[in-house]
C-alpha cells in the first residue's frame, strides 16, 4: 500500500493582520492552538524532540487532545484532555522544579517523578489556570476559538512535515497552528524586524 501524497504550500505576509486572516480562513473549523502572547509566540525548534521524548516514556498519548502547550529549550509543559473510564479529565504535565507552584486544590497529584509532575483536573478551566500559574503563559500555545483542541497524533504528524523544511535560523516562533486528520498549518512570526510572517500548510492530496 502506497503512502498518500502530501502537498505543501508556503505563503508569506508583510502584514500581520493579513497573515492571521489567512490562517483563520485556511483553518476553518479545524482544532487550533494560538499563542498566549502573540508578540513572543512559541519557539518550536525543539518541538519534535520534546514530543518524541514524552511519547517514548508514556507521558503523552497519541489520542490525547492538546489544550495548552509550552515547548521551551530545556523544558516542556502541557494540558491534555483524555478519557479516564467513562469521563473526560484534564491533565497538567510539567517539569518538576525545585520550587514548584503550590499544589492546586482543584486537582489531584497524578504522578511525581524525576523531571515531571502531573496533576489531574475535572474541569478544563482549572487545568488551564494551573498551567498559566506554572508557566506565566510565556511562550505558550492555548486552544482557542474552536470546539476542541487538536489530537496529539495529528499535531505530531503534521509538525514533522512542516518543520522538516523550516530553516532553524529563520521563522520558528509559532503564532498559530491548526491540525486535523487531513492536514495542518502553522503561522510563524517574523524571524527579525522587517521580515515576513510565514504560513506553511500541508495536506493529503486527493
N, C-alpha and C. Protein backbone atom coordinates (compact mmCIF):
# COMPACT_ATOMS: atom_id res chain seq x y z
N UNK A 1 0.85 -1.19 0.00
CA UNK A 1 0.00 0.00 0.00
C UNK A 1 0.89 1.24 0.00
N UNK A 2 0.68 2.12 -0.97
CA UNK A 2 1.49 3.33 -1.08
C UNK A 2 0.98 4.41 -0.13
N UNK A 3 1.92 5.19 0.40
CA UNK A 3 1.54 6.29 1.29
C UNK A 3 0.90 7.40 0.48
N UNK A 4 -0.09 8.10 1.04
CA UNK A 4 -0.72 9.20 0.29
C UNK A 4 0.27 10.33 0.06
N UNK A 5 0.09 11.01 -1.07
CA UNK A 5 0.95 12.15 -1.39
C UNK A 5 0.61 13.32 -0.48
N UNK A 6 1.64 14.02 -0.04
CA UNK A 6 1.46 15.17 0.84
C UNK A 6 1.81 16.44 0.06
N UNK A 7 0.87 17.36 0.02
CA UNK A 7 1.13 18.65 -0.61
C UNK A 7 1.53 19.68 0.43
N UNK A 8 2.42 20.59 0.04
CA UNK A 8 2.87 21.63 0.96
C UNK A 8 2.88 22.97 0.24
N UNK A 9 2.36 24.00 0.93
CA UNK A 9 2.40 25.35 0.39
C UNK A 9 2.96 26.29 1.45
N UNK A 10 3.72 27.27 1.01
CA UNK A 10 4.27 28.28 1.90
C UNK A 10 3.87 29.65 1.38
N UNK A 11 3.31 30.47 2.26
CA UNK A 11 2.87 31.81 1.90
C UNK A 11 3.47 32.81 2.88
N UNK A 12 3.93 33.93 2.39
CA UNK A 12 4.50 34.95 3.27
C UNK A 12 3.63 36.21 3.24
N UNK A 13 3.64 36.91 4.37
CA UNK A 13 2.83 38.12 4.53
C UNK A 13 3.65 39.20 5.21
N UNK A 14 3.63 40.39 4.63
CA UNK A 14 4.28 41.52 5.29
C UNK A 14 3.40 42.11 6.38
N UNK A 15 2.07 41.92 6.25
CA UNK A 15 1.12 42.49 7.20
C UNK A 15 0.63 41.42 8.16
N UNK A 16 0.73 41.69 9.46
CA UNK A 16 0.33 40.72 10.48
C UNK A 16 -1.14 40.37 10.40
N UNK A 17 -2.01 41.37 10.20
CA UNK A 17 -3.45 41.11 10.17
C UNK A 17 -3.82 40.24 8.97
N UNK A 18 -3.16 40.45 7.83
CA UNK A 18 -3.42 39.61 6.67
C UNK A 18 -2.98 38.18 6.93
N UNK A 19 -1.85 38.03 7.61
CA UNK A 19 -1.35 36.70 7.93
C UNK A 19 -2.33 35.95 8.83
N UNK A 20 -2.82 36.63 9.87
CA UNK A 20 -3.78 35.98 10.78
C UNK A 20 -5.11 35.70 10.08
N UNK A 21 -5.55 36.63 9.23
CA UNK A 21 -6.79 36.41 8.49
C UNK A 21 -6.68 35.19 7.59
N UNK A 22 -5.54 35.06 6.93
CA UNK A 22 -5.32 33.89 6.06
C UNK A 22 -5.30 32.61 6.88
N UNK A 23 -4.66 32.66 8.05
CA UNK A 23 -4.61 31.48 8.92
C UNK A 23 -6.01 31.03 9.29
N UNK A 24 -6.85 31.94 9.77
CA UNK A 24 -8.20 31.54 10.20
C UNK A 24 -9.04 31.05 9.02
N UNK A 25 -8.84 31.65 7.85
CA UNK A 25 -9.56 31.20 6.66
C UNK A 25 -9.17 29.78 6.31
N UNK A 26 -7.88 29.49 6.35
CA UNK A 26 -7.41 28.16 6.00
C UNK A 26 -7.74 27.13 7.09
N UNK A 27 -7.74 27.56 8.35
CA UNK A 27 -8.03 26.63 9.44
C UNK A 27 -9.47 26.16 9.41
N UNK A 28 -10.40 27.06 9.03
CA UNK A 28 -11.80 26.69 9.02
C UNK A 28 -12.25 26.25 10.41
N UNK A 29 -12.84 25.05 10.48
CA UNK A 29 -13.32 24.52 11.77
C UNK A 29 -12.31 23.59 12.43
N UNK A 30 -11.10 23.51 11.89
CA UNK A 30 -10.10 22.58 12.44
C UNK A 30 -9.68 23.01 13.84
N UNK A 31 -9.38 22.06 14.72
CA UNK A 31 -8.86 22.40 16.04
C UNK A 31 -7.58 23.20 15.92
N UNK A 32 -7.43 24.22 16.76
CA UNK A 32 -6.28 25.12 16.62
C UNK A 32 -5.69 25.50 17.95
N UNK A 33 -4.44 25.97 17.89
CA UNK A 33 -3.71 26.50 19.03
C UNK A 33 -3.23 27.89 18.67
N UNK A 34 -3.38 28.84 19.62
CA UNK A 34 -2.95 30.21 19.39
C UNK A 34 -1.97 30.62 20.48
N UNK A 35 -1.00 31.45 20.12
CA UNK A 35 -0.01 31.92 21.08
C UNK A 35 -0.68 32.75 22.16
N UNK A 36 -0.35 32.46 23.43
CA UNK A 36 -0.89 33.24 24.54
C UNK A 36 -0.41 34.68 24.45
N UNK A 37 0.84 34.88 24.07
CA UNK A 37 1.41 36.21 23.85
C UNK A 37 1.89 36.25 22.41
N UNK A 38 1.09 36.86 21.53
CA UNK A 38 1.45 36.81 20.11
C UNK A 38 2.60 37.75 19.75
N UNK A 39 3.11 38.48 20.72
CA UNK A 39 4.33 39.25 20.47
C UNK A 39 5.56 38.37 20.63
N UNK A 40 5.39 37.24 21.31
CA UNK A 40 6.51 36.32 21.57
C UNK A 40 6.35 35.03 20.77
N UNK A 41 5.12 34.51 20.73
CA UNK A 41 4.89 33.23 20.10
C UNK A 41 5.42 32.09 20.93
N UNK A 42 5.54 30.92 20.29
CA UNK A 42 6.06 29.74 20.98
C UNK A 42 7.21 29.18 20.16
N UNK A 43 8.43 29.22 20.67
CA UNK A 43 9.56 28.67 19.92
C UNK A 43 9.42 27.16 19.76
N UNK A 44 9.48 26.68 18.53
CA UNK A 44 9.21 25.26 18.28
C UNK A 44 10.40 24.52 17.68
N UNK A 45 11.60 25.06 17.79
CA UNK A 45 12.77 24.37 17.24
C UNK A 45 13.01 23.03 17.92
N UNK A 46 12.55 22.89 19.18
CA UNK A 46 12.74 21.64 19.91
C UNK A 46 11.44 20.85 20.05
N UNK A 47 10.40 21.23 19.30
CA UNK A 47 9.09 20.62 19.48
C UNK A 47 9.09 19.13 19.18
N UNK A 48 9.70 18.74 18.06
CA UNK A 48 9.65 17.33 17.68
C UNK A 48 10.39 16.45 18.67
N UNK A 49 11.55 16.90 19.16
CA UNK A 49 12.28 16.09 20.14
C UNK A 49 11.51 15.99 21.45
N UNK A 50 10.84 17.09 21.85
CA UNK A 50 10.03 17.06 23.08
C UNK A 50 8.87 16.09 22.93
N UNK A 51 8.20 16.10 21.78
CA UNK A 51 7.08 15.19 21.55
C UNK A 51 7.55 13.74 21.51
N UNK A 52 8.69 13.50 20.87
CA UNK A 52 9.21 12.14 20.78
C UNK A 52 9.58 11.61 22.16
N UNK A 53 10.20 12.47 22.98
CA UNK A 53 10.62 12.03 24.32
C UNK A 53 9.42 11.73 25.20
N UNK A 54 8.42 12.60 25.20
CA UNK A 54 7.26 12.38 26.07
C UNK A 54 6.46 11.16 25.63
N UNK A 55 6.41 10.90 24.32
CA UNK A 55 5.71 9.70 23.84
C UNK A 55 6.49 8.44 24.22
N UNK A 56 7.80 8.51 24.13
CA UNK A 56 8.62 7.33 24.40
C UNK A 56 8.50 6.88 25.85
N UNK A 57 8.36 7.82 26.76
CA UNK A 57 8.28 7.44 28.17
C UNK A 57 6.83 7.34 28.66
N UNK A 58 5.89 7.49 27.74
CA UNK A 58 4.49 7.27 28.08
C UNK A 58 3.79 8.42 28.78
N UNK A 59 4.40 9.60 28.78
CA UNK A 59 3.77 10.74 29.45
C UNK A 59 2.59 11.25 28.64
N UNK A 60 2.79 11.38 27.33
CA UNK A 60 1.71 11.80 26.44
C UNK A 60 1.27 10.62 25.59
N UNK A 61 -0.02 10.60 25.24
CA UNK A 61 -0.57 9.52 24.42
C UNK A 61 -1.06 10.11 23.10
N UNK A 62 -1.04 9.29 22.06
CA UNK A 62 -1.43 9.79 20.75
C UNK A 62 -2.86 10.29 20.70
N UNK A 63 -3.75 9.71 21.53
CA UNK A 63 -5.14 10.14 21.49
C UNK A 63 -5.45 11.27 22.47
N UNK A 64 -4.42 11.81 23.13
CA UNK A 64 -4.61 13.00 23.97
C UNK A 64 -5.02 14.18 23.10
N UNK A 65 -5.89 15.03 23.66
CA UNK A 65 -6.29 16.27 22.98
C UNK A 65 -5.56 17.42 23.67
N UNK A 66 -4.83 18.21 22.90
CA UNK A 66 -3.98 19.26 23.46
C UNK A 66 -4.78 20.54 23.68
N UNK A 67 -4.79 21.03 24.91
CA UNK A 67 -5.47 22.29 25.23
C UNK A 67 -4.48 23.42 25.49
N UNK A 68 -3.26 23.10 25.86
CA UNK A 68 -2.23 24.11 26.07
C UNK A 68 -0.88 23.43 26.01
N UNK A 69 0.13 24.18 25.54
CA UNK A 69 1.47 23.61 25.45
C UNK A 69 2.50 24.72 25.52
N UNK A 70 3.62 24.40 26.11
CA UNK A 70 4.78 25.30 26.13
C UNK A 70 6.01 24.45 25.89
N UNK A 71 6.71 24.76 24.82
CA UNK A 71 7.87 23.96 24.41
C UNK A 71 9.10 24.84 24.48
N UNK A 72 9.76 24.83 25.60
CA UNK A 72 10.97 25.63 25.77
C UNK A 72 12.19 24.81 25.41
N UNK A 73 13.35 25.46 25.40
CA UNK A 73 14.55 24.76 25.02
C UNK A 73 14.91 23.62 25.95
N UNK A 74 14.66 23.79 27.25
CA UNK A 74 15.06 22.78 28.23
C UNK A 74 13.88 22.04 28.85
N UNK A 75 12.70 22.64 28.82
CA UNK A 75 11.54 22.04 29.48
C UNK A 75 10.30 22.16 28.59
N UNK A 76 9.29 21.39 28.95
CA UNK A 76 8.01 21.45 28.25
C UNK A 76 6.89 21.27 29.28
N UNK A 77 5.74 21.86 28.99
CA UNK A 77 4.55 21.71 29.83
C UNK A 77 3.34 21.65 28.93
N UNK A 78 2.29 20.99 29.40
CA UNK A 78 1.09 20.86 28.57
C UNK A 78 -0.12 20.58 29.43
N UNK A 79 -1.29 20.88 28.86
CA UNK A 79 -2.57 20.44 29.40
C UNK A 79 -3.22 19.60 28.31
N UNK A 80 -3.56 18.36 28.65
CA UNK A 80 -4.21 17.47 27.68
C UNK A 80 -5.50 16.94 28.26
N UNK A 81 -6.41 16.64 27.36
CA UNK A 81 -7.69 16.01 27.72
C UNK A 81 -7.59 14.54 27.34
N UNK A 82 -8.01 13.68 28.27
CA UNK A 82 -8.03 12.26 27.96
C UNK A 82 -9.19 11.59 28.68
N UNK A 83 -9.50 10.38 28.29
CA UNK A 83 -10.58 9.61 28.90
C UNK A 83 -10.05 8.81 30.08
N UNK A 84 -10.80 8.87 31.15
CA UNK A 84 -10.50 8.06 32.33
C UNK A 84 -11.77 7.28 32.65
N UNK A 85 -11.83 6.04 32.13
CA UNK A 85 -13.08 5.30 32.23
C UNK A 85 -14.11 5.93 31.30
N UNK A 86 -15.23 6.35 31.87
CA UNK A 86 -16.26 6.96 31.05
C UNK A 86 -16.30 8.48 31.14
N UNK A 87 -15.31 9.10 31.77
CA UNK A 87 -15.34 10.54 31.93
C UNK A 87 -14.11 11.19 31.33
N UNK A 88 -14.27 12.47 30.98
CA UNK A 88 -13.15 13.24 30.48
C UNK A 88 -12.42 13.91 31.64
N UNK A 89 -11.11 13.86 31.60
CA UNK A 89 -10.31 14.55 32.61
C UNK A 89 -9.25 15.38 31.88
N UNK A 90 -8.70 16.34 32.61
CA UNK A 90 -7.70 17.23 32.06
C UNK A 90 -6.43 17.10 32.90
N UNK A 91 -5.34 16.82 32.23
CA UNK A 91 -4.09 16.53 32.92
C UNK A 91 -3.06 17.61 32.61
N UNK A 92 -2.52 18.21 33.65
CA UNK A 92 -1.39 19.12 33.51
C UNK A 92 -0.12 18.33 33.69
N UNK A 93 0.81 18.47 32.74
CA UNK A 93 2.12 17.83 32.84
C UNK A 93 3.17 18.91 32.70
N UNK A 94 4.10 18.95 33.63
CA UNK A 94 5.13 19.98 33.57
C UNK A 94 6.38 19.53 34.28
N UNK A 95 7.42 20.34 34.17
CA UNK A 95 8.69 19.96 34.81
C UNK A 95 8.58 19.98 36.32
N UNK A 96 9.27 19.04 36.95
CA UNK A 96 9.34 19.02 38.41
C UNK A 96 10.51 19.91 38.81
N UNK A 97 10.19 21.08 39.34
CA UNK A 97 11.22 22.05 39.69
C UNK A 97 11.51 22.01 41.19
N UNK A 98 12.63 22.61 41.58
CA UNK A 98 13.00 22.63 43.00
C UNK A 98 11.98 23.40 43.83
N UNK A 99 11.43 24.45 43.25
CA UNK A 99 10.41 25.24 43.95
C UNK A 99 9.17 25.37 43.08
N UNK A 100 8.38 24.28 42.96
CA UNK A 100 7.22 24.30 42.09
C UNK A 100 6.10 25.15 42.66
N UNK A 101 5.12 25.53 41.82
CA UNK A 101 3.95 26.24 42.34
C UNK A 101 3.24 25.39 43.38
N UNK A 102 2.50 26.04 44.25
CA UNK A 102 1.76 25.30 45.27
C UNK A 102 0.81 24.30 44.63
N UNK A 103 0.63 23.15 45.26
CA UNK A 103 -0.28 22.15 44.73
C UNK A 103 -1.67 22.74 44.58
N UNK A 104 -2.31 22.57 43.41
CA UNK A 104 -3.64 23.14 43.21
C UNK A 104 -4.69 22.37 44.00
N UNK A 105 -5.56 23.09 44.70
CA UNK A 105 -6.58 22.39 45.48
C UNK A 105 -7.66 21.81 44.57
N UNK A 106 -7.75 22.29 43.31
CA UNK A 106 -8.76 21.77 42.39
C UNK A 106 -8.35 20.45 41.75
N UNK A 107 -7.05 20.12 41.83
CA UNK A 107 -6.57 18.93 41.13
C UNK A 107 -5.93 17.93 42.07
N UNK A 108 -5.78 16.71 41.57
CA UNK A 108 -5.15 15.63 42.33
C UNK A 108 -3.81 15.29 41.70
N UNK A 109 -2.81 15.06 42.53
CA UNK A 109 -1.49 14.69 42.04
C UNK A 109 -1.58 13.33 41.36
N UNK A 110 -1.20 13.29 40.07
CA UNK A 110 -1.29 12.06 39.30
C UNK A 110 0.01 11.27 39.42
N UNK A 111 1.13 11.93 39.20
CA UNK A 111 2.43 11.33 39.50
C UNK A 111 3.47 12.41 39.65
N UNK A 112 4.52 12.02 40.36
CA UNK A 112 5.61 12.94 40.69
C UNK A 112 6.90 12.16 40.52
N UNK A 113 7.49 12.32 39.35
CA UNK A 113 8.69 11.56 39.00
C UNK A 113 9.84 12.52 38.72
N UNK A 114 11.06 12.04 38.70
CA UNK A 114 12.19 12.92 38.36
C UNK A 114 11.97 13.57 36.99
N UNK A 115 11.93 14.89 36.99
CA UNK A 115 11.79 15.61 35.73
C UNK A 115 10.38 15.99 35.36
N UNK A 116 9.37 15.37 35.94
CA UNK A 116 7.99 15.70 35.54
C UNK A 116 7.03 15.51 36.71
N UNK A 117 6.05 16.38 36.75
CA UNK A 117 4.98 16.31 37.75
C UNK A 117 3.65 16.48 37.02
N UNK A 118 2.65 15.73 37.39
CA UNK A 118 1.36 15.78 36.70
C UNK A 118 0.22 15.87 37.70
N UNK A 119 -0.77 16.70 37.36
CA UNK A 119 -2.00 16.83 38.14
C UNK A 119 -3.19 16.54 37.25
N UNK A 120 -4.22 15.94 37.82
CA UNK A 120 -5.45 15.65 37.09
C UNK A 120 -6.57 16.55 37.60
N UNK A 121 -7.32 17.13 36.65
CA UNK A 121 -8.41 18.04 36.98
C UNK A 121 -9.70 17.57 36.33
N UNK A 122 -10.80 17.87 36.98
CA UNK A 122 -12.11 17.54 36.40
C UNK A 122 -12.57 18.62 35.43
N UNK A 123 -12.06 19.85 35.60
CA UNK A 123 -12.51 20.98 34.78
C UNK A 123 -11.35 21.54 33.95
N UNK A 124 -11.63 21.86 32.69
CA UNK A 124 -10.63 22.43 31.81
C UNK A 124 -10.11 23.76 32.35
N UNK A 125 -11.01 24.59 32.87
CA UNK A 125 -10.60 25.91 33.34
C UNK A 125 -9.60 25.82 34.48
N UNK A 126 -9.78 24.85 35.37
CA UNK A 126 -8.85 24.68 36.49
C UNK A 126 -7.48 24.21 35.99
N UNK A 127 -7.48 23.30 35.02
CA UNK A 127 -6.22 22.82 34.47
C UNK A 127 -5.46 23.95 33.76
N UNK A 128 -6.19 24.75 32.99
CA UNK A 128 -5.55 25.87 32.29
C UNK A 128 -5.05 26.92 33.27
N UNK A 129 -5.81 27.16 34.34
CA UNK A 129 -5.38 28.14 35.34
C UNK A 129 -4.07 27.70 35.98
N UNK A 130 -3.95 26.41 36.28
CA UNK A 130 -2.70 25.93 36.88
C UNK A 130 -1.55 26.02 35.86
N UNK A 131 -1.83 25.68 34.62
CA UNK A 131 -0.82 25.79 33.56
C UNK A 131 -0.29 27.22 33.46
N UNK A 132 -1.19 28.19 33.49
CA UNK A 132 -0.77 29.59 33.37
C UNK A 132 -0.04 30.06 34.62
N UNK A 133 -0.43 29.56 35.80
CA UNK A 133 0.32 29.90 37.01
C UNK A 133 1.73 29.34 36.94
N UNK A 134 1.85 28.11 36.45
CA UNK A 134 3.15 27.44 36.44
C UNK A 134 4.09 28.00 35.37
N UNK A 135 3.53 28.43 34.24
CA UNK A 135 4.37 28.88 33.12
C UNK A 135 4.36 30.38 32.92
N UNK A 136 3.43 31.09 33.58
CA UNK A 136 3.20 32.52 33.35
C UNK A 136 2.76 32.80 31.91
N UNK A 137 2.44 31.76 31.18
CA UNK A 137 2.00 31.92 29.80
C UNK A 137 3.12 32.22 28.83
N UNK A 138 4.35 32.33 29.31
CA UNK A 138 5.47 32.70 28.44
C UNK A 138 5.73 31.61 27.41
N UNK A 139 5.67 31.97 26.14
CA UNK A 139 5.94 31.02 25.07
C UNK A 139 4.92 29.91 24.96
N UNK A 140 3.68 30.16 25.40
CA UNK A 140 2.67 29.11 25.45
C UNK A 140 1.69 29.20 24.29
N UNK A 141 1.10 28.08 23.96
CA UNK A 141 0.01 27.98 23.00
C UNK A 141 -1.23 27.48 23.73
N UNK A 142 -2.40 28.07 23.39
CA UNK A 142 -3.65 27.71 24.04
C UNK A 142 -4.67 27.37 22.95
N UNK A 143 -5.50 26.35 23.19
CA UNK A 143 -6.57 26.00 22.26
C UNK A 143 -7.72 27.00 22.43
N UNK A 144 -7.92 27.83 21.41
CA UNK A 144 -8.93 28.88 21.45
C UNK A 144 -9.71 28.94 20.13
N UNK A 145 -10.93 29.46 20.20
CA UNK A 145 -11.77 29.72 19.02
C UNK A 145 -12.02 28.47 18.19
N UNK A 146 -12.16 27.35 18.85
CA UNK A 146 -12.52 26.10 18.19
C UNK A 146 -13.26 25.24 19.21
N UNK A 147 -13.99 24.27 18.74
CA UNK A 147 -14.78 23.43 19.65
C UNK A 147 -13.92 22.54 20.53
N UNK A 148 -12.70 22.22 20.07
CA UNK A 148 -11.81 21.40 20.87
C UNK A 148 -10.38 21.62 20.39
N UNK A 149 -9.44 21.13 21.18
CA UNK A 149 -8.04 21.21 20.78
C UNK A 149 -7.69 20.11 19.80
N UNK A 150 -6.51 20.18 19.19
CA UNK A 150 -6.09 19.14 18.25
C UNK A 150 -5.64 17.87 18.97
N UNK A 151 -5.84 16.73 18.32
CA UNK A 151 -5.31 15.48 18.86
C UNK A 151 -3.80 15.45 18.68
N UNK A 152 -3.13 14.91 19.67
CA UNK A 152 -1.67 14.88 19.64
C UNK A 152 -1.15 14.14 18.41
N UNK A 153 -1.82 13.08 18.00
CA UNK A 153 -1.33 12.29 16.86
C UNK A 153 -1.24 13.14 15.59
N UNK A 154 -2.22 14.03 15.41
CA UNK A 154 -2.21 14.88 14.22
C UNK A 154 -1.18 15.99 14.34
N UNK A 155 -1.04 16.55 15.54
CA UNK A 155 -0.03 17.59 15.76
C UNK A 155 1.37 17.03 15.47
N UNK A 156 1.65 15.82 15.96
CA UNK A 156 2.96 15.21 15.73
C UNK A 156 3.19 14.95 14.25
N UNK A 157 2.17 14.42 13.57
CA UNK A 157 2.35 14.07 12.16
C UNK A 157 2.63 15.30 11.31
N UNK A 158 1.79 16.32 11.46
CA UNK A 158 1.91 17.47 10.56
C UNK A 158 3.03 18.41 10.97
N UNK A 159 3.35 18.48 12.25
CA UNK A 159 4.52 19.27 12.65
C UNK A 159 5.79 18.69 12.03
N UNK A 160 5.87 17.38 11.97
CA UNK A 160 7.03 16.75 11.36
C UNK A 160 7.17 17.15 9.90
N UNK A 161 6.06 17.19 9.18
CA UNK A 161 6.08 17.58 7.77
C UNK A 161 6.42 19.06 7.62
N UNK A 162 5.86 19.89 8.49
CA UNK A 162 6.04 21.35 8.36
C UNK A 162 7.44 21.77 8.77
N UNK A 163 7.92 21.25 9.90
CA UNK A 163 9.20 21.69 10.42
C UNK A 163 10.38 21.05 9.70
N UNK A 164 10.12 20.02 8.92
CA UNK A 164 11.22 19.35 8.22
C UNK A 164 11.98 20.26 7.28
N UNK A 165 11.28 21.24 6.69
CA UNK A 165 11.92 22.15 5.74
C UNK A 165 12.07 23.56 6.27
N UNK A 166 11.75 23.78 7.54
CA UNK A 166 11.84 25.13 8.10
C UNK A 166 13.28 25.41 8.52
N UNK A 167 13.78 26.54 8.12
CA UNK A 167 15.15 26.94 8.47
C UNK A 167 15.23 27.18 9.97
N UNK A 168 16.08 26.45 10.70
CA UNK A 168 16.16 26.64 12.16
C UNK A 168 16.61 28.03 12.55
N UNK A 169 17.28 28.74 11.62
CA UNK A 169 17.69 30.11 11.90
C UNK A 169 16.68 31.13 11.41
N UNK A 170 15.59 30.63 10.83
CA UNK A 170 14.57 31.53 10.30
C UNK A 170 13.39 31.65 11.25
N UNK A 171 12.19 31.69 10.68
CA UNK A 171 10.97 31.88 11.46
C UNK A 171 10.57 30.57 12.13
N UNK A 172 10.83 30.44 13.42
CA UNK A 172 10.47 29.22 14.15
C UNK A 172 9.66 29.53 15.40
N UNK A 173 9.18 30.76 15.52
CA UNK A 173 8.33 31.12 16.66
C UNK A 173 6.88 31.05 16.20
N UNK A 174 6.14 30.11 16.77
CA UNK A 174 4.79 29.80 16.30
C UNK A 174 3.76 30.74 16.90
N UNK A 175 2.96 31.37 16.02
CA UNK A 175 1.87 32.23 16.47
C UNK A 175 0.54 31.49 16.51
N UNK A 176 0.36 30.56 15.58
CA UNK A 176 -0.91 29.84 15.50
C UNK A 176 -0.70 28.56 14.71
N UNK A 177 -1.51 27.55 15.03
CA UNK A 177 -1.41 26.28 14.32
C UNK A 177 -2.76 25.59 14.33
N UNK A 178 -3.05 24.87 13.26
CA UNK A 178 -4.24 24.02 13.24
C UNK A 178 -3.85 22.65 12.72
N UNK A 179 -4.45 21.62 13.32
CA UNK A 179 -4.13 20.24 12.97
C UNK A 179 -5.40 19.41 12.96
N UNK A 180 -5.59 18.63 11.90
CA UNK A 180 -6.71 17.71 11.80
C UNK A 180 -6.23 16.48 11.05
N UNK A 181 -7.14 15.53 10.80
CA UNK A 181 -6.74 14.28 10.16
C UNK A 181 -6.18 14.51 8.76
N UNK A 182 -6.74 15.46 8.02
CA UNK A 182 -6.34 15.65 6.63
C UNK A 182 -5.21 16.61 6.40
N UNK A 183 -4.75 17.31 7.41
CA UNK A 183 -3.66 18.25 7.20
C UNK A 183 -3.51 19.21 8.36
N UNK A 184 -2.59 20.15 8.19
CA UNK A 184 -2.33 21.13 9.24
C UNK A 184 -1.62 22.34 8.68
N UNK A 185 -1.60 23.40 9.47
CA UNK A 185 -0.93 24.62 9.05
C UNK A 185 -0.36 25.35 10.24
N UNK A 186 0.76 26.04 10.02
CA UNK A 186 1.43 26.80 11.08
C UNK A 186 1.75 28.19 10.58
N UNK A 187 1.47 29.17 11.42
CA UNK A 187 1.83 30.55 11.13
C UNK A 187 2.97 30.95 12.05
N UNK A 188 4.10 31.35 11.45
CA UNK A 188 5.30 31.71 12.19
C UNK A 188 5.50 33.21 12.21
N UNK A 189 5.96 33.71 13.35
CA UNK A 189 6.27 35.13 13.48
C UNK A 189 7.53 35.45 12.69
N UNK A 190 7.73 36.71 12.31
CA UNK A 190 8.96 37.08 11.60
C UNK A 190 10.19 36.74 12.43
N UNK A 191 11.23 36.25 11.73
CA UNK A 191 12.46 35.89 12.41
C UNK A 191 13.21 37.12 12.91
N UNK A 192 13.00 38.26 12.25
CA UNK A 192 13.66 39.52 12.63
C UNK A 192 12.81 40.67 12.11
N UNK A 193 13.07 41.85 12.63
CA UNK A 193 12.32 43.03 12.21
C UNK A 193 12.47 43.22 10.70
N UNK A 194 11.33 43.49 10.06
CA UNK A 194 11.35 43.71 8.62
C UNK A 194 11.15 42.46 7.79
N UNK A 195 11.22 41.27 8.42
CA UNK A 195 11.00 40.03 7.69
C UNK A 195 9.52 39.65 7.75
N UNK A 196 9.05 38.79 6.85
CA UNK A 196 7.62 38.49 6.78
C UNK A 196 7.14 37.44 7.77
N UNK A 197 5.82 37.40 7.97
CA UNK A 197 5.19 36.26 8.61
C UNK A 197 5.18 35.12 7.59
N UNK A 198 5.32 33.90 8.06
CA UNK A 198 5.38 32.74 7.17
C UNK A 198 4.29 31.74 7.57
N UNK A 199 3.45 31.38 6.61
CA UNK A 199 2.41 30.38 6.85
C UNK A 199 2.73 29.16 6.00
N UNK A 200 2.84 28.00 6.64
CA UNK A 200 3.15 26.74 5.96
C UNK A 200 1.99 25.78 6.20
N UNK A 201 1.48 25.22 5.12
CA UNK A 201 0.34 24.29 5.22
C UNK A 201 0.68 23.00 4.50
N UNK A 202 0.31 21.89 5.11
CA UNK A 202 0.46 20.57 4.49
C UNK A 202 -0.88 19.85 4.53
N UNK A 203 -1.12 19.02 3.54
CA UNK A 203 -2.38 18.28 3.50
C UNK A 203 -2.23 17.07 2.61
N UNK A 204 -3.11 16.10 2.82
CA UNK A 204 -3.15 14.91 1.97
C UNK A 204 -3.79 15.30 0.64
N UNK A 205 -3.08 15.05 -0.43
CA UNK A 205 -3.61 15.41 -1.74
C UNK A 205 -4.65 14.40 -2.19
N UNK A 206 -5.75 14.88 -2.81
CA UNK A 206 -6.79 13.96 -3.26
C UNK A 206 -6.32 13.07 -4.41
